[in-house]
């Protein structure tokens, strides 16, 4: 069975989304501005996850690492940013 160009393109798109998730997930660990990167990493992870239902993703481990980093970055820096902004307006 020969792969069609559309399935090859879809696989490449899925793998690129997985790698972008990893890079953005790691960037989400940057203080203060990491929340924005985390949102995009979560978006790319969701996009790659949708394609994983149809294709095997060799970049699944990096996607999962990026997802974990993005979640951690969003929670930690979102809370820190909220506390800093709250304290700035109340003092």
PDB file of N, CA and C in Angstrom:
ATOM      1  N   UNK A   1       0.848  -1.176   0.000  1.00  0.00           N
ATOM      2  CA  UNK A   1       0.000   0.000   0.000  1.00  0.00           C
ATOM      3  C   UNK A   1       0.891   1.236   0.000  1.00  0.00           C
ATOM      4  N   UNK A   2       0.668   2.090  -0.948  1.00  0.00           N
ATOM      5  CA  UNK A   2       1.477   3.275  -1.100  1.00  0.00           C
ATOM      6  C   UNK A   2       0.800   4.462  -0.410  1.00  0.00           C
ATOM      7  N   UNK A   3       1.598   5.266   0.279  1.00  0.00           N
ATOM      8  CA  UNK A   3       1.056   6.438   0.977  1.00  0.00           C
ATOM      9  C   UNK A   3       0.750   7.547  -0.035  1.00  0.00           C
ATOM     10  N   UNK A   4      -0.373   8.150   0.125  1.00  0.00           N
ATOM     11  CA  UNK A   4      -0.730   9.256  -0.754  1.00  0.00           C
ATOM     12  C   UNK A   4      -0.047  10.526  -0.260  1.00  0.00           C
ATOM     13  N   UNK A   5       0.176  11.494  -1.153  1.00  0.00           N
ATOM     14  CA  UNK A   5       0.823  12.736  -0.729  1.00  0.00           C
ATOM     15  C   UNK A   5       0.041  13.463   0.371  1.00  0.00           C
ATOM     16  N   UNK A   6      -1.276  13.324   0.353  1.00  0.00           N
ATOM     17  CA  UNK A   6      -2.051  14.025   1.364  1.00  0.00           C
ATOM     18  C   UNK A   6      -1.827  13.416   2.746  1.00  0.00           C
ATOM     19  N   UNK A   7      -1.670  12.084   2.829  1.00  0.00           N
ATOM     20  CA  UNK A   7      -1.420  11.484   4.127  1.00  0.00           C
ATOM     21  C   UNK A   7      -0.012  11.816   4.606  1.00  0.00           C
ATOM     22  N   UNK A   8       0.952  11.893   3.682  1.00  0.00           N
ATOM     23  CA  UNK A   8       2.314  12.282   4.052  1.00  0.00           C
ATOM     24  C   UNK A   8       2.340  13.724   4.544  1.00  0.00           C
ATOM     25  N   UNK A   9       1.596  14.586   3.879  1.00  0.00           N
ATOM     26  CA  UNK A   9       1.535  15.987   4.304  1.00  0.00           C
ATOM     27  C   UNK A   9       0.870  16.109   5.671  1.00  0.00           C
ATOM     28  N   UNK A  10      -0.148  15.317   5.894  1.00  0.00           N
ATOM     29  CA  UNK A  10      -0.829  15.355   7.194  1.00  0.00           C
ATOM     30  C   UNK A  10       0.091  14.857   8.300  1.00  0.00           C
ATOM     31  N   UNK A  11       0.897  13.828   8.014  1.00  0.00           N
ATOM     32  CA  UNK A  11       1.847  13.328   9.006  1.00  0.00           C
ATOM     33  C   UNK A  11       2.904  14.375   9.323  1.00  0.00           C
ATOM     34  N   UNK A  12       3.403  15.049   8.298  1.00  0.00           N
ATOM     35  CA  UNK A  12       4.394  16.101   8.524  1.00  0.00           C
ATOM     36  C   UNK A  12       3.804  17.246   9.340  1.00  0.00           C
ATOM     37  N   UNK A  13       2.576  17.605   9.029  1.00  0.00           N
ATOM     38  CA  UNK A  13       1.913  18.670   9.777  1.00  0.00           C
ATOM     39  C   UNK A  13       1.764  18.269  11.251  1.00  0.00           C
ATOM     40  N   UNK A  14       1.422  17.018  11.502  1.00  0.00           N
ATOM     41  CA  UNK A  14       1.267  16.519  12.867  1.00  0.00           C
ATOM     42  C   UNK A  14       2.604  16.538  13.600  1.00  0.00           C
ATOM     43  N   UNK A  15       3.669  16.098  12.936  1.00  0.00           N
ATOM     44  CA  UNK A  15       4.981  16.075  13.582  1.00  0.00           C
ATOM     45  C   UNK A  15       5.504  17.485  13.840  1.00  0.00           C
ATOM     46  N   UNK A  16       5.246  18.410  12.912  1.00  0.00           N
ATOM     47  CA  UNK A  16       5.651  19.803  13.132  1.00  0.00           C
ATOM     48  C   UNK A  16       4.897  20.411  14.306  1.00  0.00           C
ATOM     49  N   UNK A  17       3.615  20.103  14.411  1.00  0.00           N
ATOM     50  CA  UNK A  17       2.830  20.608  15.543  1.00  0.00           C
ATOM     51  C   UNK A  17       3.354  20.041  16.850  1.00  0.00           C
ATOM     52  N   UNK A  18       3.774  18.788  16.847  1.00  0.00           N
ATOM     53  CA  UNK A  18       4.336  18.173  18.054  1.00  0.00           C
ATOM     54  C   UNK A  18       5.638  18.849  18.461  1.00  0.00           C
ATOM     55  N   UNK A  19       6.494  19.130  17.491  1.00  0.00           N
ATOM     56  CA  UNK A  19       7.767  19.780  17.800  1.00  0.00           C
ATOM     57  C   UNK A  19       7.561  21.235  18.228  1.00  0.00           C
ATOM     58  N   UNK A  20       6.597  21.911  17.622  1.00  0.00           N
ATOM     59  CA  UNK A  20       6.286  23.279  18.057  1.00  0.00           C
ATOM     60  C   UNK A  20       5.752  23.283  19.480  1.00  0.00           C
ATOM     61  N   UNK A  21       4.975  22.261  19.802  1.00  0.00           N
ATOM     62  CA  UNK A  21       4.466  22.122  21.165  1.00  0.00           C
ATOM     63  C   UNK A  21       5.619  21.995  22.148  1.00  0.00           C
ATOM     64  N   UNK A  22       6.632  21.208  21.803  1.00  0.00           N
ATOM     65  CA  UNK A  22       7.789  21.046  22.684  1.00  0.00           C
ATOM     66  C   UNK A  22       8.522  22.368  22.868  1.00  0.00           C
ATOM     67  N   UNK A  23       8.810  23.058  21.771  1.00  0.00           N
ATOM     68  CA  UNK A  23       9.557  24.316  21.855  1.00  0.00           C
ATOM     69  C   UNK A  23       8.766  25.359  22.642  1.00  0.00           C
ATOM     70  N   UNK A  24       7.504  25.513  22.323  1.00  0.00           N
ATOM     71  CA  UNK A  24       6.691  26.498  23.027  1.00  0.00           C
ATOM     72  C   UNK A  24       6.452  26.094  24.477  1.00  0.00           C
ATOM     73  N   UNK A  25       6.349  24.787  24.735  1.00  0.00           N
ATOM     74  CA  UNK A  25       6.196  24.311  26.106  1.00  0.00           C
ATOM     75  C   UNK A  25       7.404  24.655  26.954  1.00  0.00           C
ATOM     76  N   UNK A  26       8.590  24.494  26.385  1.00  0.00           N
ATOM     77  CA  UNK A  26       9.803  24.869  27.111  1.00  0.00           C
ATOM     78  C   UNK A  26       9.886  26.385  27.300  1.00  0.00           C
ATOM     79  N   UNK A  27       9.454  27.125  26.295  1.00  0.00           N
ATOM     80  CA  UNK A  27       9.461  28.589  26.416  1.00  0.00           C
ATOM     81  C   UNK A  27       8.424  29.070  27.424  1.00  0.00           C
ATOM     82  N   UNK A  28       7.409  28.254  27.697  1.00  0.00           N
ATOM     83  CA  UNK A  28       6.393  28.660  28.665  1.00  0.00           C
ATOM     84  C   UNK A  28       6.939  28.668  30.085  1.00  0.00           C
ATOM     85  N   UNK A  29       8.108  28.116  30.294  1.00  0.00           N
ATOM     86  CA  UNK A  29       8.732  28.137  31.616  1.00  0.00           C
ATOM     87  C   UNK A  29       9.463  29.453  31.892  1.00  0.00           C
ATOM     88  N   UNK A  30       9.487  30.352  30.907  1.00  0.00           N
ATOM     89  CA  UNK A  30      10.090  31.675  31.091  1.00  0.00           C
ATOM     90  C   UNK A  30       9.184  32.500  32.003  1.00  0.00           C
ATOM     91  N   UNK A  31       9.755  33.122  33.030  1.00  0.00           N
ATOM     92  CA  UNK A  31       8.916  33.914  33.935  1.00  0.00           C
ATOM     93  C   UNK A  31       8.174  35.043  33.216  1.00  0.00           C
ATOM     94  N   UNK A  32       7.030  35.367  33.700  1.00  0.00           N
ATOM     95  CA  UNK A  32       6.141  36.456  33.297  1.00  0.00           C
ATOM     96  C   UNK A  32       5.518  36.243  31.920  1.00  0.00           C
ATOM     97  N   UNK A  33       6.311  36.089  30.867  1.00  0.00           N
ATOM     98  CA  UNK A  33       5.750  35.985  29.515  1.00  0.00           C
ATOM     99  C   UNK A  33       5.438  34.555  29.108  1.00  0.00           C
ATOM    100  N   UNK A  34       5.724  33.594  29.969  1.00  0.00           N
ATOM    101  CA  UNK A  34       5.534  32.190  29.638  1.00  0.00           C
ATOM    102  C   UNK A  34       4.093  31.777  29.433  1.00  0.00           C
ATOM    103  N   UNK A  35       3.159  32.526  30.005  1.00  0.00           N
ATOM    104  CA  UNK A  35       1.742  32.159  29.897  1.00  0.00           C
ATOM    105  C   UNK A  35       1.288  32.192  28.432  1.00  0.00           C
ATOM    106  N   UNK A  36       1.721  33.175  27.696  1.00  0.00           N
ATOM    107  CA  UNK A  36       1.354  33.270  26.279  1.00  0.00           C
ATOM    108  C   UNK A  36       1.890  32.100  25.472  1.00  0.00           C
ATOM    109  N   UNK A  37       3.134  31.729  25.747  1.00  0.00           N
ATOM    110  CA  UNK A  37       3.717  30.576  25.067  1.00  0.00           C
ATOM    111  C   UNK A  37       2.981  29.292  25.439  1.00  0.00           C
ATOM    112  N   UNK A  38       2.552  29.209  26.680  1.00  0.00           N
ATOM    113  CA  UNK A  38       1.838  28.007  27.139  1.00  0.00           C
ATOM    114  C   UNK A  38       0.527  27.831  26.379  1.00  0.00           C
ATOM    115  N   UNK A  39      -0.169  28.916  26.148  1.00  0.00           N
ATOM    116  CA  UNK A  39      -1.441  28.836  25.425  1.00  0.00           C
ATOM    117  C   UNK A  39      -1.218  28.288  24.016  1.00  0.00           C
ATOM    118  N   UNK A  40      -0.194  28.794  23.336  1.00  0.00           N
ATOM    119  CA  UNK A  40       0.087  28.313  21.985  1.00  0.00           C
ATOM    120  C   UNK A  40       0.569  26.870  21.998  1.00  0.00           C
ATOM    121  N   UNK A  41       1.359  26.496  23.002  1.00  0.00           N
ATOM    122  CA  UNK A  41       1.819  25.102  23.102  1.00  0.00           C
ATOM    123  C   UNK A  41       0.638  24.165  23.303  1.00  0.00           C
ATOM    124  N   UNK A  42      -0.310  24.565  24.124  1.00  0.00           N
ATOM    125  CA  UNK A  42      -1.497  23.741  24.338  1.00  0.00           C
ATOM    126  C   UNK A  42      -2.310  23.617  23.054  1.00  0.00           C
ATOM    127  N   UNK A  43      -2.367  24.693  22.291  1.00  0.00           N
ATOM    128  CA  UNK A  43      -3.087  24.667  21.015  1.00  0.00           C
ATOM    129  C   UNK A  43      -2.429  23.680  20.044  1.00  0.00           C
ATOM    130  N   UNK A  44      -1.089  23.749  19.922  1.00  0.00           N
ATOM    131  CA  UNK A  44      -0.392  22.836  19.023  1.00  0.00           C
ATOM    132  C   UNK A  44      -0.499  21.396  19.502  1.00  0.00           C
ATOM    133  N   UNK A  45      -0.490  21.184  20.801  1.00  0.00           N
ATOM    134  CA  UNK A  45      -0.647  19.832  21.332  1.00  0.00           C
ATOM    135  C   UNK A  45      -2.019  19.276  20.967  1.00  0.00           C
ATOM    136  N   UNK A  46      -3.046  20.093  21.111  1.00  0.00           N
ATOM    137  CA  UNK A  46      -4.396  19.670  20.741  1.00  0.00           C
ATOM    138  C   UNK A  46      -4.474  19.350  19.255  1.00  0.00           C
ATOM    139  N   UNK A  47      -3.836  20.182  18.434  1.00  0.00           N
ATOM    140  CA  UNK A  47      -3.840  19.963  16.990  1.00  0.00           C
ATOM    141  C   UNK A  47      -3.153  18.641  16.629  1.00  0.00           C
ATOM    142  N   UNK A  48      -2.009  18.386  17.229  1.00  0.00           N
ATOM    143  CA  UNK A  48      -1.293  17.137  16.948  1.00  0.00           C
ATOM    144  C   UNK A  48      -2.075  15.941  17.476  1.00  0.00           C
ATOM    145  N   UNK A  49      -2.701  16.095  18.616  1.00  0.00           N
ATOM    146  CA  UNK A  49      -3.464  14.996  19.220  1.00  0.00           C
ATOM    147  C   UNK A  49      -4.638  14.588  18.332  1.00  0.00           C
ATOM    148  N   UNK A  50      -5.250  15.546  17.669  1.00  0.00           N
ATOM    149  CA  UNK A  50      -6.351  15.240  16.764  1.00  0.00           C
ATOM    150  C   UNK A  50      -5.880  14.360  15.611  1.00  0.00           C
ATOM    151  N   UNK A  51      -4.665  14.619  15.116  1.00  0.00           N
ATOM    152  CA  UNK A  51      -4.130  13.831  14.002  1.00  0.00           C
ATOM    153  C   UNK A  51      -3.623  12.467  14.449  1.00  0.00           C
ATOM    154  N   UNK A  52      -3.273  12.329  15.727  1.00  0.00           N
ATOM    155  CA  UNK A  52      -2.770  11.045  16.226  1.00  0.00           C
ATOM    156  C   UNK A  52      -3.833   9.956  16.178  1.00  0.00           C
ATOM    157  N   UNK A  53      -5.062  10.331  16.053  1.00  0.00           N
ATOM    158  CA  UNK A  53      -6.125   9.327  15.924  1.00  0.00           C
ATOM    159  C   UNK A  53      -6.031   8.601  14.580  1.00  0.00           C
ATOM    160  N   UNK A  54      -5.471   9.275  13.582  1.00  0.00           N
ATOM    161  CA  UNK A  54      -5.377   8.706  12.241  1.00  0.00           C
ATOM    162  C   UNK A  54      -4.004   8.140  11.914  1.00  0.00           C
ATOM    163  N   UNK A  55      -2.956   8.707  12.510  1.00  0.00           N
ATOM    164  CA  UNK A  55      -1.589   8.335  12.153  1.00  0.00           C
ATOM    165  C   UNK A  55      -0.769   8.079  13.405  1.00  0.00           C
ATOM    166  N   UNK A  56       0.285   7.276  13.221  1.00  0.00           N
ATOM    167  CA  UNK A  56       1.251   7.094  14.284  1.00  0.00           C
ATOM    168  C   UNK A  56       2.155   8.318  14.321  1.00  0.00           C
ATOM    169  N   UNK A  57       2.408   8.853  15.518  1.00  0.00           N
ATOM    170  CA  UNK A  57       3.211  10.056  15.668  1.00  0.00           C
ATOM    171  C   UNK A  57       4.542   9.706  16.318  1.00  0.00           C
ATOM    172  N   UNK A  58       5.650   9.721  15.536  1.00  0.00           N
ATOM    173  CA  UNK A  58       6.942   9.438  16.137  1.00  0.00           C
ATOM    174  C   UNK A  58       7.395  10.551  17.078  1.00  0.00           C
ATOM    175  N   UNK A  59       6.777  11.712  16.996  1.00  0.00           N
ATOM    176  CA  UNK A  59       7.121  12.843  17.861  1.00  0.00           C
ATOM    177  C   UNK A  59       6.153  12.954  19.040  1.00  0.00           C
ATOM    178  N   UNK A  60       5.530  11.856  19.423  1.00  0.00           N
ATOM    179  CA  UNK A  60       4.595  11.895  20.556  1.00  0.00           C
ATOM    180  C   UNK A  60       5.291  12.189  21.881  1.00  0.00           C
ATOM    181  N   UNK A  61       6.441  11.568  22.199  1.00  0.00           N
ATOM    182  CA  UNK A  61       7.103  11.905  23.469  1.00  0.00           C
ATOM    183  C   UNK A  61       7.469  13.390  23.603  1.00  0.00           C
ATOM    184  N   UNK A  62       8.031  14.032  22.548  1.00  0.00           N
ATOM    185  CA  UNK A  62       8.273  15.472  22.679  1.00  0.00           C
ATOM    186  C   UNK A  62       6.979  16.274  22.860  1.00  0.00           C
ATOM    187  N   UNK A  63       5.892  15.829  22.216  1.00  0.00           N
ATOM    188  CA  UNK A  63       4.616  16.532  22.386  1.00  0.00           C
ATOM    189  C   UNK A  63       4.146  16.441  23.830  1.00  0.00           C
ATOM    190  N   UNK A  64       4.299  15.271  24.430  1.00  0.00           N
ATOM    191  CA  UNK A  64       3.861  15.102  25.812  1.00  0.00           C
ATOM    192  C   UNK A  64       4.728  15.921  26.757  1.00  0.00           C
ATOM    193  N   UNK A  65       6.040  15.952  26.520  1.00  0.00           N
ATOM    194  CA  UNK A  65       6.928  16.781  27.339  1.00  0.00           C
ATOM    195  C   UNK A  65       6.540  18.248  27.208  1.00  0.00           C
ATOM    196  N   UNK A  66       6.273  18.699  25.982  1.00  0.00           N
ATOM    197  CA  UNK A  66       5.847  20.078  25.767  1.00  0.00           C
ATOM    198  C   UNK A  66       4.522  20.375  26.439  1.00  0.00           C
ATOM    199  N   UNK A  67       3.615  19.409  26.416  1.00  0.00           N
ATOM    200  CA  UNK A  67       2.315  19.583  27.061  1.00  0.00           C
ATOM    201  C   UNK A  67       2.475  19.725  28.571  1.00  0.00           C
ATOM    202  N   UNK A  68       3.322  18.897  29.166  1.00  0.00           N
ATOM    203  CA  UNK A  68       3.556  18.969  30.607  1.00  0.00           C
ATOM    204  C   UNK A  68       4.207  20.301  30.982  1.00  0.00           C
ATOM    205  N   UNK A  69       5.215  20.713  30.216  1.00  0.00           N
ATOM    206  CA  UNK A  69       5.876  21.997  30.484  1.00  0.00           C
ATOM    207  C   UNK A  69       4.911  23.161  30.318  1.00  0.00           C
ATOM    208  N   UNK A  70       4.073  23.105  29.290  1.00  0.00           N
ATOM    209  CA  UNK A  70       3.107  24.182  29.054  1.00  0.00           C
ATOM    210  C   UNK A  70       2.088  24.252  30.180  1.00  0.00           C
ATOM    211  N   UNK A  71       1.615  23.099  30.627  1.00  0.00           N
ATOM    212  CA  UNK A  71       0.649  23.088  31.723  1.00  0.00           C
ATOM    213  C   UNK A  71       1.280  23.631  32.993  1.00  0.00           C
ATOM    214  N   UNK A  72       2.487  23.176  33.288  1.00  0.00           N
ATOM    215  CA  UNK A  72       3.193  23.654  34.477  1.00  0.00           C
ATOM    216  C   UNK A  72       3.463  25.150  34.379  1.00  0.00           C
ATOM    217  N   UNK A  73       3.948  25.601  33.219  1.00  0.00           N
ATOM    218  CA  UNK A  73       4.219  27.026  33.025  1.00  0.00           C
ATOM    219  C   UNK A  73       2.978  27.879  33.140  1.00  0.00           C
ATOM    220  N   UNK A  74       1.879  27.409  32.568  1.00  0.00           N
ATOM    221  CA  UNK A  74       0.632  28.175  32.632  1.00  0.00           C
ATOM    222  C   UNK A  74       0.134  28.289  34.063  1.00  0.00           C
ATOM    223  N   UNK A  75       0.192  27.191  34.803  1.00  0.00           N
ATOM    224  CA  UNK A  75      -0.295  27.219  36.187  1.00  0.00           C
ATOM    225  C   UNK A  75       0.591  28.070  37.088  1.00  0.00           C
ATOM    226  N   UNK A  76       1.896  27.835  37.021  1.00  0.00           N
ATOM    227  CA  UNK A  76       2.813  28.557  37.912  1.00  0.00           C
ATOM    228  C   UNK A  76       2.870  30.040  37.569  1.00  0.00           C
ATOM    229  N   UNK A  77       3.172  30.346  36.309  1.00  0.00           N
ATOM    230  CA  UNK A  77       3.337  31.751  35.959  1.00  0.00           C
ATOM    231  C   UNK A  77       2.008  32.492  35.884  1.00  0.00           C
ATOM    232  N   UNK A  78       0.927  31.782  35.601  1.00  0.00           N
ATOM    233  CA  UNK A  78      -0.390  32.422  35.676  1.00  0.00           C
ATOM    234  C   UNK A  78      -0.714  32.836  37.099  1.00  0.00           C
ATOM    235  N   UNK A  79      -0.401  31.962  38.058  1.00  0.00           N
ATOM    236  CA  UNK A  79      -0.641  32.297  39.471  1.00  0.00           C
ATOM    237  C   UNK A  79       0.281  33.420  39.932  1.00  0.00           C
ATOM    238  N   UNK A  80       1.561  33.346  39.565  1.00  0.00           N
ATOM    239  CA  UNK A  80       2.512  34.391  39.962  1.00  0.00           C
ATOM    240  C   UNK A  80       2.121  35.728  39.340  1.00  0.00           C
ATOM    241  N   UNK A  81       1.784  35.728  38.057  1.00  0.00           N
ATOM    242  CA  UNK A  81       1.369  36.972  37.404  1.00  0.00           C
ATOM    243  C   UNK A  81       0.127  37.549  38.065  1.00  0.00           C
ATOM    244  N   UNK A  82      -0.823  36.703  38.424  1.00  0.00           N
ATOM    245  CA  UNK A  82      -2.046  37.169  39.083  1.00  0.00           C
ATOM    246  C   UNK A  82      -1.725  37.787  40.434  1.00  0.00           C
ATOM    247  N   UNK A  83      -0.867  37.153  41.201  1.00  0.00           N
ATOM    248  CA  UNK A  83      -0.498  37.686  42.517  1.00  0.00           C
ATOM    249  C   UNK A  83       0.236  39.016  42.376  1.00  0.00           C
ATOM    250  N   UNK A  84       1.154  39.105  41.435  1.00  0.00           N
ATOM    251  CA  UNK A  84       1.903  40.346  41.229  1.00  0.00           C
ATOM    252  C   UNK A  84       0.974  41.481  40.809  1.00  0.00           C
ATOM    253  N   UNK A  85       0.079  41.209  39.886  1.00  0.00           N
ATOM    254  CA  UNK A  85      -0.851  42.251  39.432  1.00  0.00           C
ATOM    255  C   UNK A  85      -1.799  42.641  40.562  1.00  0.00           C
ATOM    256  N   UNK A  86      -2.275  41.660  41.315  1.00  0.00           N
ATOM    257  CA  UNK A  86      -3.173  41.955  42.435  1.00  0.00           C
ATOM    258  C   UNK A  86      -2.466  42.824  43.470  1.00  0.00           C
ATOM    259  N   UNK A  87      -1.224  42.513  43.784  1.00  0.00           N
ATOM    260  CA  UNK A  87      -0.469  43.304  44.758  1.00  0.00           C
ATOM    261  C   UNK A  87      -0.135  44.692  44.219  1.00  0.00           C
ATOM    262  N   UNK A  88       0.094  44.819  42.937  1.00  0.00           N
ATOM    263  CA  UNK A  88       0.410  46.120  42.352  1.00  0.00           C
ATOM    264  C   UNK A  88      -0.776  47.071  42.455  1.00  0.00           C
ATOM    265  N   UNK A  89      -1.986  46.543  42.307  1.00  0.00           N
ATOM    266  CA  UNK A  89      -3.162  47.409  42.364  1.00  0.00           C
ATOM    267  C   UNK A  89      -3.645  47.663  43.783  1.00  0.00           C
ATOM    268  N   UNK A  90      -3.224  46.845  44.757  1.00  0.00           N
ATOM    269  CA  UNK A  90      -3.703  47.018  46.113  1.00  0.00           C
ATOM    270  C   UNK A  90      -2.683  47.659  47.042  1.00  0.00           C
ATOM    271  N   UNK A  91      -1.522  48.013  46.567  1.00  0.00           N
ATOM    272  CA  UNK A  91      -0.522  48.653  47.452  1.00  0.00           C
ATOM    273  C   UNK A  91      -0.069  49.946  46.912  1.00  0.00           C
TER     274      UNK A  91
END
